[in-house]
Amino acid sequence: MNILLVDDDDLILASIPSLLEILGHHVDTADRGAKALAFLETGPEPDLVIMDVTMPEMGGVETLRRLRAFKPNLPVLLATGNVDAAVEDALAHDPHARVVPKPFTLNQIRTSIQETAGLACD
């Protein structure tokens, strides 16, 4: 599976791709919401986006809202340590998005990827 990982934390961008590759996935990265949107408009289409909720300039919820304008069915995992009202609202209105708690274990991310990727078939 091709995954786009979006996170502003250098440690996450340095470590999580290797973890996802161990699970058999190919990973591209973006360190900002705007870069993720640019990648999605011009780059190869991922099967899944894993996106941090709290990022400078444009957070994950806003990035999700904007990407839905041109990728309405792309499965998205919002990664967060705090599910607030904005995240709950986004999830309530988006059948192709789920949340994965941060920090997550290998089994949690594996299960979340499988469940979220299955949303593309719904």
PDB file of N, CA and C in Angstrom:
ATOM      1  N   MET A   1       0.841  -1.170   0.000  1.00  0.00           N
ATOM      2  CA  MET A   1       0.000   0.000   0.000  1.00  0.00           C
ATOM      3  C   MET A   1       0.890   1.239   0.000  1.00  0.00           C
ATOM      4  N   ASN A   2       0.497   2.261  -0.740  1.00  0.00           N
ATOM      5  CA  ASN A   2       1.195   3.542  -0.765  1.00  0.00           C
ATOM      6  C   ASN A   2       0.548   4.484   0.246  1.00  0.00           C
ATOM      7  N   ILE A   3       1.361   5.018   1.144  1.00  0.00           N
ATOM      8  CA  ILE A   3       0.871   5.877   2.223  1.00  0.00           C
ATOM      9  C   ILE A   3       1.566   7.228   2.142  1.00  0.00           C
ATOM     10  N   LEU A   4       0.797   8.288   2.318  1.00  0.00           N
ATOM     11  CA  LEU A   4       1.345   9.633   2.493  1.00  0.00           C
ATOM     12  C   LEU A   4       1.268   9.961   3.977  1.00  0.00           C
ATOM     13  N   LEU A   5       2.420  10.179   4.605  1.00  0.00           N
ATOM     14  CA  LEU A   5       2.507  10.536   6.013  1.00  0.00           C
ATOM     15  C   LEU A   5       2.716  12.037   6.109  1.00  0.00           C
ATOM     16  N   VAL A   6       1.828  12.717   6.837  1.00  0.00           N
ATOM     17  CA  VAL A   6       1.894  14.169   6.970  1.00  0.00           C
ATOM     18  C   VAL A   6       2.053  14.517   8.446  1.00  0.00           C
ATOM     19  N   ASP A   7       3.203  15.101   8.792  1.00  0.00           N
ATOM     20  CA  ASP A   7       3.469  15.453  10.181  1.00  0.00           C
ATOM     21  C   ASP A   7       4.576  16.500  10.207  1.00  0.00           C
ATOM     22  N   ASP A   8       4.469  17.465  11.093  1.00  0.00           N
ATOM     23  CA  ASP A   8       5.489  18.514  11.197  1.00  0.00           C
ATOM     24  C   ASP A   8       6.633  18.142  12.133  1.00  0.00           C
ATOM     25  N   ASP A   9       6.540  17.024  12.813  1.00  0.00           N
ATOM     26  CA  ASP A   9       7.554  16.593  13.771  1.00  0.00           C
ATOM     27  C   ASP A   9       8.657  15.809  13.047  1.00  0.00           C
ATOM     28  N   ASP A  10       9.875  16.334  13.098  1.00  0.00           N
ATOM     29  CA  ASP A  10      11.006  15.685  12.424  1.00  0.00           C
ATOM     30  C   ASP A  10      11.246  14.267  12.926  1.00  0.00           C
ATOM     31  N   LEU A  11      11.040  14.030  14.223  1.00  0.00           N
ATOM     32  CA  LEU A  11      11.238  12.693  14.780  1.00  0.00           C
ATOM     33  C   LEU A  11      10.227  11.710  14.183  1.00  0.00           C
ATOM     34  N   ILE A  12       8.994  12.132  14.040  1.00  0.00           N
ATOM     35  CA  ILE A  12       7.957  11.283  13.425  1.00  0.00           C
ATOM     36  C   ILE A  12       8.337  10.982  11.984  1.00  0.00           C
ATOM     37  N   LEU A  13       8.735  12.016  11.236  1.00  0.00           N
ATOM     38  CA  LEU A  13       9.082  11.823   9.825  1.00  0.00           C
ATOM     39  C   LEU A  13      10.335  10.974   9.648  1.00  0.00           C
ATOM     40  N   ALA A  14      11.190  10.934  10.659  1.00  0.00           N
ATOM     41  CA  ALA A  14      12.401  10.122  10.586  1.00  0.00           C
ATOM     42  C   ALA A  14      12.168   8.677  11.006  1.00  0.00           C
ATOM     43  N   SER A  15      11.156   8.428  11.833  1.00  0.00           N
ATOM     44  CA  SER A  15      10.989   7.080  12.384  1.00  0.00           C
ATOM     45  C   SER A  15       9.789   6.303  11.849  1.00  0.00           C
ATOM     46  N   ILE A  16       8.666   6.951  11.685  1.00  0.00           N
ATOM     47  CA  ILE A  16       7.439   6.234  11.304  1.00  0.00           C
ATOM     48  C   ILE A  16       7.507   5.629   9.904  1.00  0.00           C
ATOM     49  N   PRO A  17       8.126   6.283   8.912  1.00  0.00           N
ATOM     50  CA  PRO A  17       8.211   5.627   7.603  1.00  0.00           C
ATOM     51  C   PRO A  17       8.866   4.247   7.667  1.00  0.00           C
ATOM     52  N   SER A  18       9.922   4.098   8.458  1.00  0.00           N
ATOM     53  CA  SER A  18      10.577   2.795   8.587  1.00  0.00           C
ATOM     54  C   SER A  18       9.635   1.763   9.192  1.00  0.00           C
ATOM     55  N   LEU A  19       8.867   2.186  10.185  1.00  0.00           N
ATOM     56  CA  LEU A  19       7.894   1.302  10.812  1.00  0.00           C
ATOM     57  C   LEU A  19       6.848   0.851   9.792  1.00  0.00           C
ATOM     58  N   LEU A  20       6.351   1.786   9.005  1.00  0.00           N
ATOM     59  CA  LEU A  20       5.341   1.455   7.997  1.00  0.00           C
ATOM     60  C   LEU A  20       5.926   0.578   6.887  1.00  0.00           C
ATOM     61  N   GLU A  21       7.194   0.799   6.557  1.00  0.00           N
ATOM     62  CA  GLU A  21       7.845  -0.035   5.549  1.00  0.00           C
ATOM     63  C   GLU A  21       8.035  -1.459   6.052  1.00  0.00           C
ATOM     64  N   ILE A  22       8.293  -1.621   7.351  1.00  0.00           N
ATOM     65  CA  ILE A  22       8.374  -2.970   7.943  1.00  0.00           C
ATOM     66  C   ILE A  22       7.048  -3.700   7.755  1.00  0.00           C
ATOM     67  N   LEU A  23       5.948  -2.946   7.784  1.00  0.00           N
ATOM     68  CA  LEU A  23       4.622  -3.542   7.580  1.00  0.00           C
ATOM     69  C   LEU A  23       4.315  -3.776   6.098  1.00  0.00           C
ATOM     70  N   GLY A  24       5.257  -3.411   5.221  1.00  0.00           N
ATOM     71  CA  GLY A  24       5.101  -3.682   3.803  1.00  0.00           C
ATOM     72  C   GLY A  24       4.580  -2.536   2.963  1.00  0.00           C
ATOM     73  N   HIS A  25       4.573  -1.322   3.515  1.00  0.00           N
ATOM     74  CA  HIS A  25       4.028  -0.178   2.796  1.00  0.00           C
ATOM     75  C   HIS A  25       5.138   0.689   2.201  1.00  0.00           C
ATOM     76  N   HIS A  26       4.813   1.400   1.140  1.00  0.00           N
ATOM     77  CA  HIS A  26       5.675   2.436   0.582  1.00  0.00           C
ATOM     78  C   HIS A  26       5.200   3.757   1.183  1.00  0.00           C
ATOM     79  N   VAL A  27       6.133   4.616   1.613  1.00  0.00           N
ATOM     80  CA  VAL A  27       5.755   5.840   2.314  1.00  0.00           C
ATOM     81  C   VAL A  27       6.382   7.065   1.657  1.00  0.00           C
ATOM     82  N   ASP A  28       5.536   8.060   1.376  1.00  0.00           N
ATOM     83  CA  ASP A  28       5.975   9.402   1.015  1.00  0.00           C
ATOM     84  C   ASP A  28       5.635  10.284   2.202  1.00  0.00           C
ATOM     85  N   THR A  29       6.348  11.404   2.338  1.00  0.00           N
ATOM     86  CA  THR A  29       6.117  12.275   3.488  1.00  0.00           C
ATOM     87  C   THR A  29       5.913  13.722   3.065  1.00  0.00           C
ATOM     88  N   ALA A  30       5.229  14.441   3.930  1.00  0.00           N
ATOM     89  CA  ALA A  30       5.070  15.890   3.805  1.00  0.00           C
ATOM     90  C   ALA A  30       5.098  16.447   5.217  1.00  0.00           C
ATOM     91  N   ASP A  31       5.767  17.601   5.395  1.00  0.00           N
ATOM     92  CA  ASP A  31       5.889  18.157   6.743  1.00  0.00           C
ATOM     93  C   ASP A  31       4.902  19.279   7.033  1.00  0.00           C
ATOM     94  N   ARG A  32       3.977  19.516   6.134  1.00  0.00           N
ATOM     95  CA  ARG A  32       2.948  20.545   6.305  1.00  0.00           C
ATOM     96  C   ARG A  32       1.710  20.142   5.511  1.00  0.00           C
ATOM     97  N   GLY A  33       0.564  20.663   5.926  1.00  0.00           N
ATOM     98  CA  GLY A  33      -0.675  20.408   5.210  1.00  0.00           C
ATOM     99  C   GLY A  33      -0.624  20.896   3.778  1.00  0.00           C
ATOM    100  N   ALA A  34      -0.055  22.083   3.559  1.00  0.00           N
ATOM    101  CA  ALA A  34       0.018  22.630   2.202  1.00  0.00           C
ATOM    102  C   ALA A  34       0.876  21.750   1.298  1.00  0.00           C
ATOM    103  N   LYS A  35       1.960  21.217   1.827  1.00  0.00           N
ATOM    104  CA  LYS A  35       2.806  20.322   1.030  1.00  0.00           C
ATOM    105  C   LYS A  35       2.068  19.021   0.720  1.00  0.00           C
ATOM    106  N   ALA A  36       1.280  18.548   1.652  1.00  0.00           N
ATOM    107  CA  ALA A  36       0.492  17.337   1.411  1.00  0.00           C
ATOM    108  C   ALA A  36      -0.514  17.568   0.289  1.00  0.00           C
ATOM    109  N   LEU A  37      -1.189  18.706   0.310  1.00  0.00           N
ATOM    110  CA  LEU A  37      -2.157  19.022  -0.742  1.00  0.00           C
ATOM    111  C   LEU A  37      -1.472  19.127  -2.095  1.00  0.00           C
ATOM    112  N   ALA A  38      -0.299  19.755  -2.143  1.00  0.00           N
ATOM    113  CA  ALA A  38       0.448  19.869  -3.400  1.00  0.00           C
ATOM    114  C   ALA A  38       0.844  18.489  -3.903  1.00  0.00           C
ATOM    115  N   PHE A  39       1.297  17.623  -2.995  1.00  0.00           N
ATOM    116  CA  PHE A  39       1.659  16.262  -3.377  1.00  0.00           C
ATOM    117  C   PHE A  39       0.449  15.521  -3.946  1.00  0.00           C
ATOM    118  N   LEU A  40      -0.694  15.663  -3.293  1.00  0.00           N
ATOM    119  CA  LEU A  40      -1.901  14.964  -3.736  1.00  0.00           C
ATOM    120  C   LEU A  40      -2.397  15.478  -5.086  1.00  0.00           C
ATOM    121  N   GLU A  41      -2.132  16.722  -5.387  1.00  0.00           N
ATOM    122  CA  GLU A  41      -2.552  17.281  -6.676  1.00  0.00           C
ATOM    123  C   GLU A  41      -1.628  16.870  -7.811  1.00  0.00           C
ATOM    124  N   THR A  42      -0.339  16.627  -7.519  1.00  0.00           N
ATOM    125  CA  THR A  42       0.623  16.390  -8.588  1.00  0.00           C
ATOM    126  C   THR A  42       1.334  15.047  -8.526  1.00  0.00           C
ATOM    127  N   GLY A  43       1.428  14.474  -7.349  1.00  0.00           N
ATOM    128  CA  GLY A  43       2.197  13.244  -7.181  1.00  0.00           C
ATOM    129  C   GLY A  43       1.372  12.006  -7.432  1.00  0.00           C
ATOM    130  N   PRO A  44       1.982  10.858  -7.241  1.00  0.00           N
ATOM    131  CA  PRO A  44       1.228   9.606  -7.362  1.00  0.00           C
ATOM    132  C   PRO A  44       0.174   9.518  -6.254  1.00  0.00           C
ATOM    133  N   GLU A  45      -0.969   8.979  -6.589  1.00  0.00           N
ATOM    134  CA  GLU A  45      -2.065   8.889  -5.622  1.00  0.00           C
ATOM    135  C   GLU A  45      -1.774   7.826  -4.568  1.00  0.00           C
ATOM    136  N   PRO A  46      -1.748   8.214  -3.289  1.00  0.00           N
ATOM    137  CA  PRO A  46      -1.575   7.206  -2.245  1.00  0.00           C
ATOM    138  C   PRO A  46      -2.880   6.437  -2.038  1.00  0.00           C
ATOM    139  N   ASP A  47      -2.752   5.294  -1.378  1.00  0.00           N
ATOM    140  CA  ASP A  47      -3.927   4.514  -1.007  1.00  0.00           C
ATOM    141  C   ASP A  47      -4.516   5.004   0.307  1.00  0.00           C
ATOM    142  N   LEU A  48      -3.698   5.725   1.073  1.00  0.00           N
ATOM    143  CA  LEU A  48      -4.078   6.160   2.412  1.00  0.00           C
ATOM    144  C   LEU A  48      -3.210   7.344   2.821  1.00  0.00           C
ATOM    145  N   VAL A  49      -3.802   8.278   3.567  1.00  0.00           N
ATOM    146  CA  VAL A  49      -3.059   9.384   4.165  1.00  0.00           C
ATOM    147  C   VAL A  49      -3.134   9.232   5.679  1.00  0.00           C
ATOM    148  N   ILE A  50      -1.971   9.323   6.334  1.00  0.00           N
ATOM    149  CA  ILE A  50      -1.909   9.392   7.794  1.00  0.00           C
ATOM    150  C   ILE A  50      -1.446  10.803   8.113  1.00  0.00           C
ATOM    151  N   MET A  51      -2.290  11.552   8.838  1.00  0.00           N
ATOM    152  CA  MET A  51      -2.037  12.972   9.009  1.00  0.00           C
ATOM    153  C   MET A  51      -2.153  13.393  10.472  1.00  0.00           C
ATOM    154  N   ASP A  52      -1.129  14.116  10.926  1.00  0.00           N
ATOM    155  CA  ASP A  52      -1.158  14.715  12.256  1.00  0.00           C
ATOM    156  C   ASP A  52      -2.269  15.761  12.291  1.00  0.00           C
ATOM    157  N   VAL A  53      -2.914  15.904  13.413  1.00  0.00           N
ATOM    158  CA  VAL A  53      -3.972  16.899  13.559  1.00  0.00           C
ATOM    159  C   VAL A  53      -3.393  18.271  13.871  1.00  0.00           C
ATOM    160  N   THR A  54      -2.375  18.314  14.724  1.00  0.00           N
ATOM    161  CA  THR A  54      -1.820  19.591  15.174  1.00  0.00           C
ATOM    162  C   THR A  54      -0.549  19.913  14.406  1.00  0.00           C
ATOM    163  N   MET A  55      -0.688  20.808  13.430  1.00  0.00           N
ATOM    164  CA  MET A  55       0.449  21.267  12.633  1.00  0.00           C
ATOM    165  C   MET A  55       0.335  22.780  12.473  1.00  0.00           C
ATOM    166  N   PRO A  56       1.478  23.465  12.321  1.00  0.00           N
ATOM    167  CA  PRO A  56       1.414  24.920  12.112  1.00  0.00           C
ATOM    168  C   PRO A  56       0.825  25.257  10.745  1.00  0.00           C
ATOM    169  N   GLU A  57       0.329  26.455  10.635  1.00  0.00           N
ATOM    170  CA  GLU A  57      -0.212  27.019   9.404  1.00  0.00           C
ATOM    171  C   GLU A  57      -1.562  26.406   9.018  1.00  0.00           C
ATOM    172  N   MET A  58      -1.593  25.103   8.768  1.00  0.00           N
ATOM    173  CA  MET A  58      -2.842  24.432   8.400  1.00  0.00           C
ATOM    174  C   MET A  58      -2.850  23.069   9.087  1.00  0.00           C
ATOM    175  N   GLY A  59      -3.705  22.910  10.071  1.00  0.00           N
ATOM    176  CA  GLY A  59      -3.774  21.662  10.814  1.00  0.00           C
ATOM    177  C   GLY A  59      -4.416  20.545  10.008  1.00  0.00           C
ATOM    178  N   GLY A  60      -4.443  19.371  10.590  1.00  0.00           N
ATOM    179  CA  GLY A  60      -4.965  18.203   9.914  1.00  0.00           C
ATOM    180  C   GLY A  60      -6.435  18.297   9.547  1.00  0.00           C
ATOM    181  N   VAL A  61      -7.258  18.882  10.403  1.00  0.00           N
ATOM    182  CA  VAL A  61      -8.693  18.993  10.108  1.00  0.00           C
ATOM    183  C   VAL A  61      -8.912  19.911   8.905  1.00  0.00           C
ATOM    184  N   GLU A  62      -8.208  21.033   8.860  1.00  0.00           N
ATOM    185  CA  GLU A  62      -8.330  21.947   7.717  1.00  0.00           C
ATOM    186  C   GLU A  62      -7.760  21.311   6.443  1.00  0.00           C
ATOM    187  N   THR A  63      -6.647  20.615   6.567  1.00  0.00           N
ATOM    188  CA  THR A  63      -6.074  19.929   5.405  1.00  0.00           C
ATOM    189  C   THR A  63      -7.046  18.876   4.885  1.00  0.00           C
ATOM    190  N   LEU A  64      -7.670  18.135   5.786  1.00  0.00           N
ATOM    191  CA  LEU A  64      -8.664  17.143   5.393  1.00  0.00           C
ATOM    192  C   LEU A  64      -9.814  17.803   4.648  1.00  0.00           C
ATOM    193  N   ARG A  65     -10.309  18.911   5.166  1.00  0.00           N
ATOM    194  CA  ARG A  65     -11.414  19.615   4.509  1.00  0.00           C
ATOM    195  C   ARG A  65     -11.029  20.034   3.088  1.00  0.00           C
ATOM    196  N   ARG A  66      -9.828  20.544   2.931  1.00  0.00           N
ATOM    197  CA  ARG A  66      -9.389  20.998   1.605  1.00  0.00           C
ATOM    198  C   ARG A  66      -9.130  19.843   0.644  1.00  0.00           C
ATOM    199  N   LEU A  67      -8.578  18.749   1.152  1.00  0.00           N
ATOM    200  CA  LEU A  67      -8.305  17.632   0.238  1.00  0.00           C
ATOM    201  C   LEU A  67      -9.594  16.960  -0.225  1.00  0.00           C
ATOM    202  N   ARG A  68     -10.656  17.074   0.557  1.00  0.00           N
ATOM    203  CA  ARG A  68     -11.928  16.478   0.151  1.00  0.00           C
ATOM    204  C   ARG A  68     -12.511  17.151  -1.099  1.00  0.00           C
ATOM    205  N   ALA A  69     -12.084  18.355  -1.404  1.00  0.00           N
ATOM    206  CA  ALA A  69     -12.560  19.053  -2.602  1.00  0.00           C
ATOM    207  C   ALA A  69     -12.137  18.324  -3.876  1.00  0.00           C
ATOM    208  N   PHE A  70     -11.009  17.601  -3.827  1.00  0.00           N
ATOM    209  CA  PHE A  70     -10.558  16.913  -5.038  1.00  0.00           C
ATOM    210  C   PHE A  70     -10.247  15.433  -4.819  1.00  0.00           C
ATOM    211  N   LYS A  71     -10.308  14.959  -3.596  1.00  0.00           N
ATOM    212  CA  LYS A  71     -10.117  13.534  -3.268  1.00  0.00           C
ATOM    213  C   LYS A  71     -11.196  13.121  -2.275  1.00  0.00           C
ATOM    214  N   PRO A  72     -12.448  13.055  -2.705  1.00  0.00           N
ATOM    215  CA  PRO A  72     -13.542  12.830  -1.747  1.00  0.00           C
ATOM    216  C   PRO A  72     -13.552  11.456  -1.080  1.00  0.00           C
ATOM    217  N   ASN A  73     -12.926  10.457  -1.677  1.00  0.00           N
ATOM    218  CA  ASN A  73     -13.002   9.102  -1.127  1.00  0.00           C
ATOM    219  C   ASN A  73     -11.671   8.554  -0.634  1.00  0.00           C
ATOM    220  N   LEU A  74     -10.627   9.371  -0.627  1.00  0.00           N
ATOM    221  CA  LEU A  74      -9.310   8.911  -0.195  1.00  0.00           C
ATOM    222  C   LEU A  74      -9.331   8.632   1.314  1.00  0.00           C
ATOM    223  N   PRO A  75      -8.998   7.415   1.741  1.00  0.00           N
ATOM    224  CA  PRO A  75      -8.980   7.116   3.172  1.00  0.00           C
ATOM    225  C   PRO A  75      -7.916   7.938   3.907  1.00  0.00           C
ATOM    226  N   VAL A  76      -8.313   8.486   5.064  1.00  0.00           N
ATOM    227  CA  VAL A  76      -7.433   9.327   5.864  1.00  0.00           C
ATOM    228  C   VAL A  76      -7.496   8.887   7.319  1.00  0.00           C
ATOM    229  N   LEU A  77      -6.319   8.736   7.912  1.00  0.00           N
ATOM    230  CA  LEU A  77      -6.195   8.491   9.343  1.00  0.00           C
ATOM    231  C   LEU A  77      -5.683   9.771   9.991  1.00  0.00           C
ATOM    232  N   LEU A  78      -6.448  10.346  10.888  1.00  0.00           N
ATOM    233  CA  LEU A  78      -6.011  11.514  11.642  1.00  0.00           C
ATOM    234  C   LEU A  78      -5.321  11.026  12.906  1.00  0.00           C
ATOM    235  N   ALA A  79      -4.047  11.376  13.046  1.00  0.00           N
ATOM    236  CA  ALA A  79      -3.264  10.946  14.201  1.00  0.00           C
ATOM    237  C   ALA A  79      -3.226  12.076  15.222  1.00  0.00           C
ATOM    238  N   THR A  80      -3.686  11.759  16.437  1.00  0.00           N
ATOM    239  CA  THR A  80      -3.740  12.800  17.464  1.00  0.00           C
ATOM    240  C   THR A  80      -3.713  12.191  18.857  1.00  0.00           C
ATOM    241  N   GLY A  81      -3.174  12.961  19.772  1.00  0.00           N
ATOM    242  CA  GLY A  81      -3.213  12.581  21.179  1.00  0.00           C
ATOM    243  C   GLY A  81      -4.415  13.156  21.891  1.00  0.00           C
ATOM    244  N   ASN A  82      -5.197  13.980  21.170  1.00  0.00           N
ATOM    245  CA  ASN A  82      -6.339  14.658  21.779  1.00  0.00           C
ATOM    246  C   ASN A  82      -7.464  14.795  20.751  1.00  0.00           C
ATOM    247  N   VAL A  83      -8.518  14.025  20.934  1.00  0.00           N
ATOM    248  CA  VAL A  83      -9.677  14.129  20.043  1.00  0.00           C
ATOM    249  C   VAL A  83     -10.575  15.234  20.580  1.00  0.00           C
ATOM    250  N   ASP A  84     -10.497  16.406  19.927  1.00  0.00           N
ATOM    251  CA  ASP A  84     -11.304  17.538  20.362  1.00  0.00           C
ATOM    252  C   ASP A  84     -12.571  17.641  19.510  1.00  0.00           C
ATOM    253  N   ALA A  85     -13.341  18.691  19.735  1.00  0.00           N
ATOM    254  CA  ALA A  85     -14.611  18.866  19.028  1.00  0.00           C
ATOM    255  C   ALA A  85     -14.416  18.985  17.520  1.00  0.00           C
ATOM    256  N   ALA A  86     -13.347  19.637  17.082  1.00  0.00           N
ATOM    257  CA  ALA A  86     -13.103  19.777  15.639  1.00  0.00           C
ATOM    258  C   ALA A  86     -12.830  18.429  14.989  1.00  0.00           C
ATOM    259  N   VAL A  87     -12.075  17.579  15.663  1.00  0.00           N
ATOM    260  CA  VAL A  87     -11.799  16.234  15.141  1.00  0.00           C
ATOM    261  C   VAL A  87     -13.078  15.413  15.129  1.00  0.00           C
ATOM    262  N   GLU A  88     -13.841  15.447  16.216  1.00  0.00           N
ATOM    263  CA  GLU A  88     -15.105  14.705  16.276  1.00  0.00           C
ATOM    264  C   GLU A  88     -16.048  15.140  15.162  1.00  0.00           C
ATOM    265  N   ASP A  89     -16.139  16.441  14.912  1.00  0.00           N
ATOM    266  CA  ASP A  89     -16.998  16.954  13.849  1.00  0.00           C
ATOM    267  C   ASP A  89     -16.518  16.478  12.485  1.00  0.00           C
ATOM    268  N   ALA A  90     -15.209  16.530  12.251  1.00  0.00           N
ATOM    269  CA  ALA A  90     -14.658  16.073  10.968  1.00  0.00           C
ATOM    270  C   ALA A  90     -14.969  14.596  10.742  1.00  0.00           C
ATOM    271  N   LEU A  91     -14.799  13.797  11.771  1.00  0.00           N
ATOM    272  CA  LEU A  91     -15.056  12.358  11.652  1.00  0.00           C
ATOM    273  C   LEU A  91     -16.542  12.073  11.446  1.00  0.00           C
ATOM    274  N   ALA A  92     -17.389  12.847  12.091  1.00  0.00           N
ATOM    275  CA  ALA A  92     -18.838  12.645  11.970  1.00  0.00           C
ATOM    276  C   ALA A  92     -19.338  12.930  10.562  1.00  0.00           C
ATOM    277  N   HIS A  93     -18.635  13.807   9.837  1.00  0.00           N
ATOM    278  CA  HIS A  93     -19.071  14.208   8.500  1.00  0.00           C
ATOM    279  C   HIS A  93     -18.240  13.597   7.380  1.00  0.00           C
ATOM    280  N   ASP A  94     -17.335  12.682   7.705  1.00  0.00           N
ATOM    281  CA  ASP A  94     -16.456  12.115   6.689  1.00  0.00           C
ATOM    282  C   ASP A  94     -16.388  10.599   6.844  1.00  0.00           C
ATOM    283  N   PRO A  95     -17.094   9.860   5.989  1.00  0.00           N
ATOM    284  CA  PRO A  95     -17.108   8.406   6.113  1.00  0.00           C
ATOM    285  C   PRO A  95     -15.794   7.733   5.729  1.00  0.00           C
ATOM    286  N   HIS A  96     -14.857   8.494   5.192  1.00  0.00           N
ATOM    287  CA  HIS A  96     -13.579   7.926   4.765  1.00  0.00           C
ATOM    288  C   HIS A  96     -12.422   8.340   5.665  1.00  0.00           C
ATOM    289  N   ALA A  97     -12.741   8.804   6.860  1.00  0.00           N
ATOM    290  CA  ALA A  97     -11.705   9.224   7.813  1.00  0.00           C
ATOM    291  C   ALA A  97     -11.906   8.530   9.156  1.00  0.00           C
ATOM    292  N   ARG A  98     -10.796   8.238   9.799  1.00  0.00           N
ATOM    293  CA  ARG A  98     -10.780   7.632  11.127  1.00  0.00           C
ATOM    294  C   ARG A  98      -9.678   8.311  11.932  1.00  0.00           C
ATOM    295  N   VAL A  99      -9.622   7.995  13.208  1.00  0.00           N
ATOM    296  CA  VAL A  99      -8.586   8.541  14.078  1.00  0.00           C
ATOM    297  C   VAL A  99      -7.726   7.405  14.611  1.00  0.00           C
ATOM    298  N   VAL A 100      -6.444   7.680  14.772  1.00  0.00           N
ATOM    299  CA  VAL A 100      -5.537   6.759  15.449  1.00  0.00           C
ATOM    300  C   VAL A 100      -4.876   7.557  16.567  1.00  0.00           C
ATOM    301  N   PRO A 101      -4.875   7.009  17.785  1.00  0.00           N
ATOM    302  CA  PRO A 101      -4.305   7.761  18.913  1.00  0.00           C
ATOM    303  C   PRO A 101      -2.782   7.827  18.823  1.00  0.00           C
ATOM    304  N   LYS A 102      -2.252   8.977  19.212  1.00  0.00           N
ATOM    305  CA  LYS A 102      -0.802   9.139  19.327  1.00  0.00           C
ATOM    306  C   LYS A 102      -0.450   9.130  20.798  1.00  0.00           C
ATOM    307  N   PRO A 103       0.563   8.464  21.205  1.00  0.00           N
ATOM    308  CA  PRO A 103       1.403   7.573  20.413  1.00  0.00           C
ATOM    309  C   PRO A 103       0.688   6.254  20.162  1.00  0.00           C
ATOM    310  N   PHE A 104       1.059   5.590  19.074  1.00  0.00           N
ATOM    311  CA  PHE A 104       0.427   4.315  18.748  1.00  0.00           C
ATOM    312  C   PHE A 104       1.467   3.202  18.729  1.00  0.00           C
ATOM    313  N   THR A 105       0.977   1.990  18.953  1.00  0.00           N
ATOM    314  CA  THR A 105       1.835   0.810  18.885  1.00  0.00           C
ATOM    315  C   THR A 105       1.830   0.285  17.451  1.00  0.00           C
ATOM    316  N   LEU A 106       2.722  -0.641  17.185  1.00  0.00           N
ATOM    317  CA  LEU A 106       2.777  -1.271  15.869  1.00  0.00           C
ATOM    318  C   LEU A 106       1.439  -1.943  15.544  1.00  0.00           C
ATOM    319  N   ASN A 107       0.872  -2.642  16.504  1.00  0.00           N
ATOM    320  CA  ASN A 107      -0.421  -3.302  16.262  1.00  0.00           C
ATOM    321  C   ASN A 107      -1.539  -2.299  16.046  1.00  0.00           C
ATOM    322  N   GLN A 108      -1.539  -1.193  16.791  1.00  0.00           N
ATOM    323  CA  GLN A 108      -2.587  -0.177  16.610  1.00  0.00           C
ATOM    324  C   GLN A 108      -2.529   0.439  15.216  1.00  0.00           C
ATOM    325  N   ILE A 109      -1.333   0.777  14.741  1.00  0.00           N
ATOM    326  CA  ILE A 109      -1.252   1.390  13.421  1.00  0.00           C
ATOM    327  C   ILE A 109      -1.570   0.378  12.335  1.00  0.00           C
ATOM    328  N   ARG A 110      -1.150  -0.853  12.508  1.00  0.00           N
ATOM    329  CA  ARG A 110      -1.481  -1.903  11.534  1.00  0.00           C
ATOM    330  C   ARG A 110      -3.000  -2.061  11.421  1.00  0.00           C
ATOM    331  N   THR A 111      -3.675  -2.187  12.542  1.00  0.00           N
ATOM    332  CA  THR A 111      -5.132  -2.361  12.553  1.00  0.00           C
ATOM    333  C   THR A 111      -5.830  -1.128  11.991  1.00  0.00           C
ATOM    334  N   SER A 112      -5.379   0.048  12.378  1.00  0.00           N
ATOM    335  CA  SER A 112      -5.993   1.286  11.883  1.00  0.00           C
ATOM    336  C   SER A 112      -5.825   1.430  10.375  1.00  0.00           C
ATOM    337  N   ILE A 113      -4.659   1.074   9.860  1.00  0.00           N
ATOM    338  CA  ILE A 113      -4.438   1.126   8.411  1.00  0.00           C
ATOM    339  C   ILE A 113      -5.381   0.171   7.705  1.00  0.00           C
ATOM    340  N   GLN A 114      -5.479  -1.048   8.194  1.00  0.00           N
ATOM    341  CA  GLN A 114      -6.359  -2.034   7.558  1.00  0.00           C
ATOM    342  C   GLN A 114      -7.809  -1.574   7.578  1.00  0.00           C
ATOM    343  N   GLU A 115      -8.287  -1.078   8.710  1.00  0.00           N
ATOM    344  CA  GLU A 115      -9.678  -0.639   8.824  1.00  0.00           C
ATOM    345  C   GLU A 115      -9.946   0.583   7.956  1.00  0.00           C
ATOM    346  N   THR A 116      -9.025   1.533   7.950  1.00  0.00           N
ATOM    347  CA  THR A 116      -9.225   2.759   7.196  1.00  0.00           C
ATOM    348  C   THR A 116      -9.099   2.536   5.702  1.00  0.00           C
ATOM    349  N   ALA A 117      -8.154   1.712   5.287  1.00  0.00           N
ATOM    350  CA  ALA A 117      -8.003   1.410   3.850  1.00  0.00           C
ATOM    351  C   ALA A 117      -9.247   0.716   3.322  1.00  0.00           C
ATOM    352  N   GLY A 118      -9.910  -0.056   4.157  1.00  0.00           N
ATOM    353  CA  GLY A 118     -11.139  -0.725   3.745  1.00  0.00           C
ATOM    354  C   GLY A 118     -12.277   0.249   3.458  1.00  0.00           C
ATOM    355  N   LEU A 119     -12.185   1.478   3.940  1.00  0.00           N
ATOM    356  CA  LEU A 119     -13.234   2.466   3.698  1.00  0.00           C
ATOM    357  C   LEU A 119     -13.316   2.842   2.227  1.00  0.00           C
ATOM    358  N   ALA A 120     -12.251   2.670   1.491  1.00  0.00           N
ATOM    359  CA  ALA A 120     -12.260   3.024   0.060  1.00  0.00           C
ATOM    360  C   ALA A 120     -13.208   2.120  -0.706  1.00  0.00           C
ATOM    361  N   CYS A 121     -13.489   0.953  -0.160  1.00  0.00           N
ATOM    362  CA  CYS A 121     -14.362   0.002  -0.837  1.00  0.00           C
ATOM    363  C   CYS A 121     -15.828   0.208  -0.496  1.00  0.00           C
ATOM    364  N   ASP A 122     -16.086   0.990   0.561  1.00  0.00           N
ATOM    365  CA  ASP A 122     -17.479   1.202   0.992  1.00  0.00           C
ATOM    366  C   ASP A 122     -18.256   2.065   0.025  1.00  0.00           C
TER     367      ASP A 122
END
